[in-house]
Amino acid sequence: MEKIVFAKSWQGGFAGFGLESFSDFFNFAGGKIINKNTKRDVQQLTLGNGDDSKVFFMKRFYRPYLKDIFFSWQNFGQPKPQAVIEWENANFLLEKGIETYRPVCFGLRTRLGIEKKSFFITEKLNGCCLTDFIAQRRGRLTQQQKEEIIVQLAKMIRKVHDTGVSLPDLYLWHIFITENAGQWEFAVIDLHRMVRNVRDKNKQIMNLGRLHHSMLDKYFDDSLRWLFIESYAADDWPGRAAKLGRKIKKYSNKVSAKRNPKQY
C-alpha cells in the first residue's frame, strides 16, 4: 500500500513540479543529500527558480532497524512508519508552542502493515544548526551573549520536559538557533524516537546527559555547563541543581565511554 498526506494546500504546489506519487517523491533525483546512513538520508530540495524558489528538506526512511520496530510497538502498540511518527511528533510540539520543523507532507509504502519505505518533508527552518552557529561565531560572542544563549536553551529544554516529552536524540546538532529582536530562540529536530507522556526524571536525565556529552570543552567551560544545569533546574527540581548536575555528568560519562564526541 502507498499513501501520501499533505498539510494545508501543498499538494497542488508539488504537483506543479511533477511530484505526485510516492515514487515521484522518494526517487526524486534533483535533491542534494546532506546526511546519510544505511537506513535513512536527508535531502535538500529546491523547487522553482530565483525569488520564486522554495527550499524543503526530505528525510527518507528505508527498511527500519529492528530497534525502531520495537520502539513503535512499545510506544504505540502497533508498527508505525517512522515518517508518520515524525509527522505526528512535529505537529504535537508545534501545538504545545515548542518550535520544530514545519511539516509539509509524508508518504509511506507498506506491506502487510509493515513499513518498507517512507519519507517526511518539511519547510526550511529559520536560523542555523546550533553547532554550526557555535563554531562560526565562537570568537565573536560576548560572555553575556554566551550566558543568554545557555540560559534560554536550558529553559526551552525544561519546557519540552514539562510538556511530558522525552528526546532520546537530544544533541546540540539536533537544535537550531535563531536570533529574533535580541532574543535567542530554539527549535528541535530529529523526532522519530521522541516519546510523549513521559514523567520519568531518569529519562529526562538521560536526555540531558546526551546533550552534556555533545557540549565540547573548547566551546563550553565548567561555568557555562553549570549555568545550563542551574537554569534548567530552576527552583523546583527535586534535590536541586547540585544533585541534578551529578546525575547528568554521570550519564554523560557513560555516553562518552561508548562514543567519541562529534566535532564541530
C-alpha atoms as a PDB file:
ATOM      1  CA  MET A   1       0.000   0.000   0.000  1.00  0.00           C
ATOM      2  CA  GLU A   2       1.142   3.545  -0.735  1.00  0.00           C
ATOM      3  CA  LYS A   3      -0.138   6.743   0.850  1.00  0.00           C
ATOM      4  CA  ILE A   4       0.746  10.457   0.811  1.00  0.00           C
ATOM      5  CA  VAL A   5      -0.691  13.045   3.227  1.00  0.00           C
ATOM      6  CA  PHE A   6      -0.234  16.794   2.719  1.00  0.00           C
ATOM      7  CA  ALA A   7      -0.536  19.736   5.092  1.00  0.00           C
ATOM      8  CA  LYS A   8      -2.712  22.667   4.041  1.00  0.00           C
ATOM      9  CA  SER A   9      -2.591  23.298   0.268  1.00  0.00           C
ATOM     10  CA  TRP A  10       0.832  21.871  -0.528  1.00  0.00           C
ATOM     11  CA  GLN A  11      -0.418  19.110  -2.839  1.00  0.00           C
ATOM     12  CA  GLY A  12      -1.027  21.343  -5.847  1.00  0.00           C
ATOM     13  CA  GLY A  13       2.333  23.088  -5.497  1.00  0.00           C
ATOM     14  CA  PHE A  14       4.279  19.837  -5.605  1.00  0.00           C
ATOM     15  CA  ALA A  15       2.169  18.538  -8.483  1.00  0.00           C
ATOM     16  CA  GLY A  16       3.337  21.556 -10.492  1.00  0.00           C
ATOM     17  CA  PHE A  17       6.855  20.101 -10.296  1.00  0.00           C
ATOM     18  CA  GLY A  18       5.738  16.608 -11.248  1.00  0.00           C
ATOM     19  CA  LEU A  19       5.741  15.309  -7.679  1.00  0.00           C
ATOM     20  CA  GLU A  20       2.527  13.384  -7.130  1.00  0.00           C
ATOM     21  CA  SER A  21       3.099   9.682  -6.462  1.00  0.00           C
ATOM     22  CA  PHE A  22       5.146   8.023  -3.737  1.00  0.00           C
ATOM     23  CA  SER A  23       7.819   7.089  -6.297  1.00  0.00           C
ATOM     24  CA  ASP A  24       7.932  10.668  -7.637  1.00  0.00           C
ATOM     25  CA  PHE A  25       8.918  11.907  -4.191  1.00  0.00           C
ATOM     26  CA  PHE A  26      11.049   9.060  -2.904  1.00  0.00           C
ATOM     27  CA  ASN A  27      13.074   8.705  -6.133  1.00  0.00           C
ATOM     28  CA  PHE A  28      13.379  12.444  -6.815  1.00  0.00           C
ATOM     29  CA  ALA A  29      16.799  12.968  -8.392  1.00  0.00           C
ATOM     30  CA  GLY A  30      17.009  16.756  -8.061  1.00  0.00           C
ATOM     31  CA  GLY A  31      17.798  16.870  -4.356  1.00  0.00           C
ATOM     32  CA  LYS A  32      21.118  17.324  -2.585  1.00  0.00           C
ATOM     33  CA  ILE A  33      21.921  14.688   0.038  1.00  0.00           C
ATOM     34  CA  ILE A  34      23.228  16.375   3.193  1.00  0.00           C
ATOM     35  CA  ASN A  35      23.133  13.470   5.653  1.00  0.00           C
ATOM     36  CA  LYS A  36      23.053   9.718   5.140  1.00  0.00           C
ATOM     37  CA  ASN A  37      23.394   6.337   6.792  1.00  0.00           C
ATOM     38  CA  THR A  38      22.332   2.839   5.783  1.00  0.00           C
ATOM     39  CA  LYS A  39      18.704   3.275   6.917  1.00  0.00           C
ATOM     40  CA  ARG A  40      17.893   6.926   6.237  1.00  0.00           C
ATOM     41  CA  ASP A  41      19.086  10.055   4.477  1.00  0.00           C
ATOM     42  CA  VAL A  42      18.168  13.736   4.312  1.00  0.00           C
ATOM     43  CA  GLN A  43      17.855  15.619   1.034  1.00  0.00           C
ATOM     44  CA  GLN A  44      17.627  19.351   0.447  1.00  0.00           C
ATOM     45  CA  LEU A  45      15.074  20.083  -2.263  1.00  0.00           C
ATOM     46  CA  THR A  46      14.992  23.431  -4.050  1.00  0.00           C
ATOM     47  CA  LEU A  47      11.900  23.818  -6.232  1.00  0.00           C
ATOM     48  CA  GLY A  48      11.484  26.776  -8.576  1.00  0.00           C
ATOM     49  CA  ASN A  49      13.924  29.453  -9.693  1.00  0.00           C
ATOM     50  CA  GLY A  50      15.253  32.711  -8.295  1.00  0.00           C
ATOM     51  CA  ASP A  51      12.974  34.630  -5.975  1.00  0.00           C
ATOM     52  CA  ASP A  52      10.187  32.131  -6.625  1.00  0.00           C
ATOM     53  CA  SER A  53      12.189  29.155  -5.354  1.00  0.00           C
ATOM     54  CA  LYS A  54      11.296  27.283  -2.177  1.00  0.00           C
ATOM     55  CA  VAL A  55      13.590  25.091  -0.076  1.00  0.00           C
ATOM     56  CA  PHE A  56      12.392  21.897   1.605  1.00  0.00           C
ATOM     57  CA  PHE A  57      14.059  19.031   3.410  1.00  0.00           C
ATOM     58  CA  MET A  58      13.062  15.419   2.845  1.00  0.00           C
ATOM     59  CA  LYS A  59      14.029  12.661   5.263  1.00  0.00           C
ATOM     60  CA  ARG A  60      13.810   9.265   3.578  1.00  0.00           C
ATOM     61  CA  PHE A  61      13.498   6.118   5.643  1.00  0.00           C
ATOM     62  CA  TYR A  62      14.408   2.726   4.223  1.00  0.00           C
ATOM     63  CA  ARG A  63      13.687  -0.581   5.952  1.00  0.00           C
ATOM     64  CA  PRO A  64      13.587   0.283   9.674  1.00  0.00           C
ATOM     65  CA  TYR A  65      16.046  -1.061  12.201  1.00  0.00           C
ATOM     66  CA  LEU A  66      14.658  -3.772  14.450  1.00  0.00           C
ATOM     67  CA  LYS A  67      15.080  -1.329  17.342  1.00  0.00           C
ATOM     68  CA  ASP A  68      12.810   1.140  15.515  1.00  0.00           C
ATOM     69  CA  ILE A  69      10.135  -1.529  15.048  1.00  0.00           C
ATOM     70  CA  PHE A  70      10.430  -2.423  18.730  1.00  0.00           C
ATOM     71  CA  PHE A  71      10.208   1.271  19.651  1.00  0.00           C
ATOM     72  CA  SER A  72       6.979   1.574  17.652  1.00  0.00           C
ATOM     73  CA  TRP A  73       5.390  -1.469  19.284  1.00  0.00           C
ATOM     74  CA  GLN A  74       6.495  -0.316  22.736  1.00  0.00           C
ATOM     75  CA  ASN A  75       5.137   3.224  22.395  1.00  0.00           C
ATOM     76  CA  PHE A  76       2.141   2.844  20.090  1.00  0.00           C
ATOM     77  CA  GLY A  77       1.113  -0.791  20.440  1.00  0.00           C
ATOM     78  CA  GLN A  78       1.488  -1.281  16.697  1.00  0.00           C
ATOM     79  CA  PRO A  79       4.071  -0.847  13.930  1.00  0.00           C
ATOM     80  CA  LYS A  80       4.021   2.769  12.821  1.00  0.00           C
ATOM     81  CA  PRO A  81       6.129   4.151   9.921  1.00  0.00           C
ATOM     82  CA  GLN A  82       8.923   6.467  11.027  1.00  0.00           C
ATOM     83  CA  ALA A  83       7.735   9.278   8.754  1.00  0.00           C
ATOM     84  CA  VAL A  84       4.312   9.153  10.397  1.00  0.00           C
ATOM     85  CA  ILE A  85       5.935   9.306  13.840  1.00  0.00           C
ATOM     86  CA  GLU A  86       7.941  12.401  12.809  1.00  0.00           C
ATOM     87  CA  TRP A  87       4.808  13.994  11.328  1.00  0.00           C
ATOM     88  CA  GLU A  88       2.736  13.443  14.461  1.00  0.00           C
ATOM     89  CA  ASN A  89       5.520  14.459  16.839  1.00  0.00           C
ATOM     90  CA  ALA A  90       6.307  17.670  14.954  1.00  0.00           C
ATOM     91  CA  ASN A  91       2.654  18.701  14.962  1.00  0.00           C
ATOM     92  CA  PHE A  92       2.375  17.860  18.664  1.00  0.00           C
ATOM     93  CA  LEU A  93       5.338  20.079  19.575  1.00  0.00           C
ATOM     94  CA  LEU A  94       4.043  22.970  17.493  1.00  0.00           C
ATOM     95  CA  GLU A  95       0.645  22.700  19.200  1.00  0.00           C
ATOM     96  CA  LYS A  96       2.453  22.969  22.561  1.00  0.00           C
ATOM     97  CA  GLY A  97       4.364  26.079  21.495  1.00  0.00           C
ATOM     98  CA  ILE A  98       7.690  24.272  21.044  1.00  0.00           C
ATOM     99  CA  GLU A  99       9.396  25.159  17.784  1.00  0.00           C
ATOM    100  CA  THR A 100      10.437  22.454  15.331  1.00  0.00           C
ATOM    101  CA  TYR A 101      10.382  21.956  11.576  1.00  0.00           C
ATOM    102  CA  ARG A 102       7.080  22.686   9.849  1.00  0.00           C
ATOM    103  CA  PRO A 103       5.579  19.509   8.319  1.00  0.00           C
ATOM    104  CA  VAL A 104       4.629  19.691   4.642  1.00  0.00           C
ATOM    105  CA  CYS A 105       3.789  16.088   3.777  1.00  0.00           C
ATOM    106  CA  PHE A 106       4.659  12.469   4.411  1.00  0.00           C
ATOM    107  CA  GLY A 107       4.459   9.355   2.290  1.00  0.00           C
ATOM    108  CA  LEU A 108       4.686   5.682   3.064  1.00  0.00           C
ATOM    109  CA  ARG A 109       4.902   2.324   1.367  1.00  0.00           C
ATOM    110  CA  THR A 110       3.872  -0.639   3.495  1.00  0.00           C
ATOM    111  CA  ARG A 111       3.388  -4.365   3.042  1.00  0.00           C
ATOM    112  CA  LEU A 112       1.070  -6.269   5.376  1.00  0.00           C
ATOM    113  CA  GLY A 113       1.084  -3.214   7.629  1.00  0.00           C
ATOM    114  CA  ILE A 114       4.895  -3.131   7.928  1.00  0.00           C
ATOM    115  CA  GLU A 115       6.892  -0.121   6.716  1.00  0.00           C
ATOM    116  CA  LYS A 116       9.044  -0.746   3.662  1.00  0.00           C
ATOM    117  CA  LYS A 117       9.916   2.875   2.867  1.00  0.00           C
ATOM    118  CA  SER A 118       8.648   6.283   3.952  1.00  0.00           C
ATOM    119  CA  PHE A 119       9.507   9.967   3.629  1.00  0.00           C
ATOM    120  CA  PHE A 120       8.825  13.139   5.607  1.00  0.00           C
ATOM    121  CA  ILE A 121       9.115  16.631   4.069  1.00  0.00           C
ATOM    122  CA  THR A 122       9.403  19.892   5.983  1.00  0.00           C
ATOM    123  CA  GLU A 123       9.904  23.559   5.229  1.00  0.00           C
ATOM    124  CA  LYS A 124      13.365  25.008   5.725  1.00  0.00           C
ATOM    125  CA  LEU A 125      13.914  26.109   9.313  1.00  0.00           C
ATOM    126  CA  ASN A 126      14.895  29.662  10.137  1.00  0.00           C
ATOM    127  CA  GLY A 127      18.320  30.147  11.702  1.00  0.00           C
ATOM    128  CA  CYS A 128      21.014  27.510  11.647  1.00  0.00           C
ATOM    129  CA  CYS A 129      22.174  24.379  13.403  1.00  0.00           C
ATOM    130  CA  LEU A 130      23.435  25.263  16.875  1.00  0.00           C
ATOM    131  CA  THR A 131      26.787  23.503  16.387  1.00  0.00           C
ATOM    132  CA  ASP A 132      27.410  25.467  13.172  1.00  0.00           C
ATOM    133  CA  PHE A 133      26.444  28.681  14.929  1.00  0.00           C
ATOM    134  CA  ILE A 134      28.812  27.998  17.821  1.00  0.00           C
ATOM    135  CA  ALA A 135      31.724  27.048  15.567  1.00  0.00           C
ATOM    136  CA  GLN A 136      31.269  30.046  13.263  1.00  0.00           C
ATOM    137  CA  ARG A 137      30.694  32.699  15.931  1.00  0.00           C
ATOM    138  CA  ARG A 138      32.876  31.344  18.706  1.00  0.00           C
ATOM    139  CA  GLY A 139      35.224  34.326  18.775  1.00  0.00           C
ATOM    140  CA  ARG A 140      32.537  36.970  18.233  1.00  0.00           C
ATOM    141  CA  LEU A 141      30.143  36.146  21.058  1.00  0.00           C
ATOM    142  CA  THR A 142      30.478  38.154  24.245  1.00  0.00           C
ATOM    143  CA  GLN A 143      30.346  36.399  27.606  1.00  0.00           C
ATOM    144  CA  GLN A 144      26.921  37.929  28.154  1.00  0.00           C
ATOM    145  CA  GLN A 145      25.661  36.502  24.851  1.00  0.00           C
ATOM    146  CA  LYS A 146      27.026  33.065  25.700  1.00  0.00           C
ATOM    147  CA  GLU A 147      25.247  33.131  29.037  1.00  0.00           C
ATOM    148  CA  GLU A 148      21.989  34.358  27.490  1.00  0.00           C
ATOM    149  CA  ILE A 149      22.106  31.533  24.945  1.00  0.00           C
ATOM    150  CA  ILE A 150      22.800  28.836  27.532  1.00  0.00           C
ATOM    151  CA  VAL A 151      20.027  30.098  29.842  1.00  0.00           C
ATOM    152  CA  GLN A 152      17.426  30.252  27.074  1.00  0.00           C
ATOM    153  CA  LEU A 153      18.467  26.828  25.795  1.00  0.00           C
ATOM    154  CA  ALA A 154      18.022  25.343  29.269  1.00  0.00           C
ATOM    155  CA  LYS A 155      14.593  26.932  29.633  1.00  0.00           C
ATOM    156  CA  MET A 156      13.487  25.586  26.245  1.00  0.00           C
ATOM    157  CA  ILE A 157      14.522  22.039  27.138  1.00  0.00           C
ATOM    158  CA  ARG A 158      12.846  22.318  30.535  1.00  0.00           C
ATOM    159  CA  LYS A 159       9.652  23.345  28.701  1.00  0.00           C
ATOM    160  CA  VAL A 160       9.960  20.251  26.491  1.00  0.00           C
ATOM    161  CA  HIS A 161      10.271  18.015  29.552  1.00  0.00           C
ATOM    162  CA  ASP A 162       7.462  19.782  31.407  1.00  0.00           C
ATOM    163  CA  THR A 163       5.271  19.021  28.395  1.00  0.00           C
ATOM    164  CA  GLY A 164       5.931  15.319  29.030  1.00  0.00           C
ATOM    165  CA  VAL A 165       8.240  14.848  26.059  1.00  0.00           C
ATOM    166  CA  SER A 166      11.453  12.808  26.066  1.00  0.00           C
ATOM    167  CA  LEU A 167      14.021  13.361  23.301  1.00  0.00           C
ATOM    168  CA  PRO A 168      16.449  10.396  23.272  1.00  0.00           C
ATOM    169  CA  ASP A 169      18.409  12.068  20.447  1.00  0.00           C
ATOM    170  CA  LEU A 170      18.921  15.375  22.247  1.00  0.00           C
ATOM    171  CA  TYR A 171      22.316  16.519  20.973  1.00  0.00           C
ATOM    172  CA  LEU A 172      23.394  20.062  20.081  1.00  0.00           C
ATOM    173  CA  TRP A 173      23.379  19.210  16.361  1.00  0.00           C
ATOM    174  CA  HIS A 174      19.647  18.471  16.618  1.00  0.00           C
ATOM    175  CA  ILE A 175      18.909  22.012  17.810  1.00  0.00           C
ATOM    176  CA  PHE A 176      18.524  25.129  15.639  1.00  0.00           C
ATOM    177  CA  ILE A 177      19.052  28.672  16.890  1.00  0.00           C
ATOM    178  CA  THR A 178      17.583  31.972  15.683  1.00  0.00           C
ATOM    179  CA  GLU A 179      18.195  35.498  16.933  1.00  0.00           C
ATOM    180  CA  ASN A 180      14.946  37.449  16.985  1.00  0.00           C
ATOM    181  CA  ALA A 181      14.874  41.068  18.182  1.00  0.00           C
ATOM    182  CA  GLY A 182      17.741  40.429  20.571  1.00  0.00           C
ATOM    183  CA  GLN A 183      16.257  37.187  21.885  1.00  0.00           C
ATOM    184  CA  TRP A 184      17.556  33.667  21.240  1.00  0.00           C
ATOM    185  CA  GLU A 185      15.000  31.144  20.034  1.00  0.00           C
ATOM    186  CA  PHE A 186      15.455  27.411  19.521  1.00  0.00           C
ATOM    187  CA  ALA A 187      13.910  24.571  17.566  1.00  0.00           C
ATOM    188  CA  VAL A 188      14.431  20.821  17.999  1.00  0.00           C
ATOM    189  CA  ILE A 189      14.639  18.319  15.141  1.00  0.00           C
ATOM    190  CA  ASP A 190      15.076  14.570  14.600  1.00  0.00           C
ATOM    191  CA  LEU A 191      11.884  13.397  16.261  1.00  0.00           C
ATOM    192  CA  HIS A 192      11.431   9.794  15.135  1.00  0.00           C
ATOM    193  CA  ARG A 193      12.385   8.475  18.597  1.00  0.00           C
ATOM    194  CA  MET A 194      10.608  11.207  20.548  1.00  0.00           C
ATOM    195  CA  VAL A 195       8.290   9.861  23.269  1.00  0.00           C
ATOM    196  CA  ARG A 196       5.258  11.598  24.763  1.00  0.00           C
ATOM    197  CA  ASN A 197       3.612  11.335  28.182  1.00  0.00           C
ATOM    198  CA  VAL A 198       6.955  10.783  29.930  1.00  0.00           C
ATOM    199  CA  ARG A 199       7.292  11.985  33.526  1.00  0.00           C
ATOM    200  CA  ASP A 200      10.219   9.767  34.482  1.00  0.00           C
ATOM    201  CA  LYS A 201      13.007  12.013  35.792  1.00  0.00           C
ATOM    202  CA  ASN A 202      15.584   9.373  34.816  1.00  0.00           C
ATOM    203  CA  LYS A 203      14.519   9.639  31.170  1.00  0.00           C
ATOM    204  CA  GLN A 204      14.933  13.401  31.357  1.00  0.00           C
ATOM    205  CA  ILE A 205      18.399  12.999  32.883  1.00  0.00           C
ATOM    206  CA  MET A 206      19.347  10.661  30.037  1.00  0.00           C
ATOM    207  CA  ASN A 207      18.274  13.361  27.550  1.00  0.00           C
ATOM    208  CA  LEU A 208      20.347  15.943  29.418  1.00  0.00           C
ATOM    209  CA  GLY A 209      23.325  13.580  29.674  1.00  0.00           C
ATOM    210  CA  ARG A 210      23.420  13.179  25.902  1.00  0.00           C
ATOM    211  CA  LEU A 211      23.229  16.937  25.478  1.00  0.00           C
ATOM    212  CA  HIS A 212      26.050  17.368  28.005  1.00  0.00           C
ATOM    213  CA  HIS A 213      28.105  14.798  26.049  1.00  0.00           C
ATOM    214  CA  SER A 214      27.697  16.947  22.914  1.00  0.00           C
ATOM    215  CA  MET A 215      28.984  20.107  24.659  1.00  0.00           C
ATOM    216  CA  LEU A 216      32.640  20.167  23.620  1.00  0.00           C
ATOM    217  CA  ASP A 217      35.180  21.504  26.122  1.00  0.00           C
ATOM    218  CA  LYS A 218      36.561  24.052  23.671  1.00  0.00           C
ATOM    219  CA  TYR A 219      33.172  25.812  23.500  1.00  0.00           C
ATOM    220  CA  PHE A 220      31.632  25.103  26.908  1.00  0.00           C
ATOM    221  CA  ASP A 221      33.642  25.652  30.066  1.00  0.00           C
ATOM    222  CA  ASP A 222      32.546  24.456  33.504  1.00  0.00           C
ATOM    223  CA  SER A 223      30.851  27.754  34.318  1.00  0.00           C
ATOM    224  CA  LEU A 224      28.621  27.585  31.224  1.00  0.00           C
ATOM    225  CA  ARG A 225      27.738  23.941  31.870  1.00  0.00           C
ATOM    226  CA  TRP A 226      26.821  24.776  35.454  1.00  0.00           C
ATOM    227  CA  LEU A 227      24.742  27.770  34.329  1.00  0.00           C
ATOM    228  CA  PHE A 228      22.838  25.430  31.995  1.00  0.00           C
ATOM    229  CA  ILE A 229      22.111  22.965  34.821  1.00  0.00           C
ATOM    230  CA  GLU A 230      21.160  25.712  37.264  1.00  0.00           C
ATOM    231  CA  SER A 231      18.838  27.367  34.726  1.00  0.00           C
ATOM    232  CA  TYR A 232      17.196  24.049  33.850  1.00  0.00           C
ATOM    233  CA  ALA A 233      16.672  23.052  37.497  1.00  0.00           C
ATOM    234  CA  ALA A 234      15.279  26.475  38.477  1.00  0.00           C
ATOM    235  CA  ASP A 235      13.722  26.342  41.957  1.00  0.00           C
ATOM    236  CA  ASP A 236      11.607  23.208  41.667  1.00  0.00           C
ATOM    237  CA  TRP A 237      13.859  20.302  40.663  1.00  0.00           C
ATOM    238  CA  PRO A 238      13.896  17.536  43.330  1.00  0.00           C
ATOM    239  CA  GLY A 239      17.258  17.674  45.094  1.00  0.00           C
ATOM    240  CA  ARG A 240      18.080  20.975  43.393  1.00  0.00           C
ATOM    241  CA  ALA A 241      20.786  21.743  40.851  1.00  0.00           C
ATOM    242  CA  ALA A 242      23.818  20.135  42.506  1.00  0.00           C
ATOM    243  CA  LYS A 243      22.203  16.696  42.622  1.00  0.00           C
ATOM    244  CA  LEU A 244      20.922  17.071  39.070  1.00  0.00           C
ATOM    245  CA  GLY A 245      24.387  18.088  37.868  1.00  0.00           C
ATOM    246  CA  ARG A 246      25.981  14.967  39.332  1.00  0.00           C
ATOM    247  CA  LYS A 247      23.435  12.712  37.644  1.00  0.00           C
ATOM    248  CA  ILE A 248      23.820  14.449  34.294  1.00  0.00           C
ATOM    249  CA  LYS A 249      27.621  14.194  34.416  1.00  0.00           C
ATOM    250  CA  LYS A 250      27.422  10.507  35.361  1.00  0.00           C
ATOM    251  CA  TYR A 251      25.228   9.674  32.385  1.00  0.00           C
ATOM    252  CA  SER A 252      27.273  11.914  30.081  1.00  0.00           C
ATOM    253  CA  ASN A 253      30.361   9.891  31.008  1.00  0.00           C
ATOM    254  CA  LYS A 254      28.513   6.672  30.125  1.00  0.00           C
ATOM    255  CA  VAL A 255      27.678   8.051  26.683  1.00  0.00           C
ATOM    256  CA  SER A 256      31.260   9.265  26.171  1.00  0.00           C
ATOM    257  CA  ALA A 257      32.593   5.805  27.087  1.00  0.00           C
ATOM    258  CA  LYS A 258      30.668   4.347  24.132  1.00  0.00           C
ATOM    259  CA  ARG A 259      31.206   7.044  21.506  1.00  0.00           C
ATOM    260  CA  ASN A 260      33.580   9.890  20.801  1.00  0.00           C
ATOM    261  CA  PRO A 261      32.058  13.373  20.924  1.00  0.00           C
ATOM    262  CA  LYS A 262      31.108  14.666  17.482  1.00  0.00           C
ATOM    263  CA  GLN A 263      33.394  17.527  16.453  1.00  0.00           C
ATOM    264  CA  TYR A 264      32.041  20.830  15.143  1.00  0.00           C
END
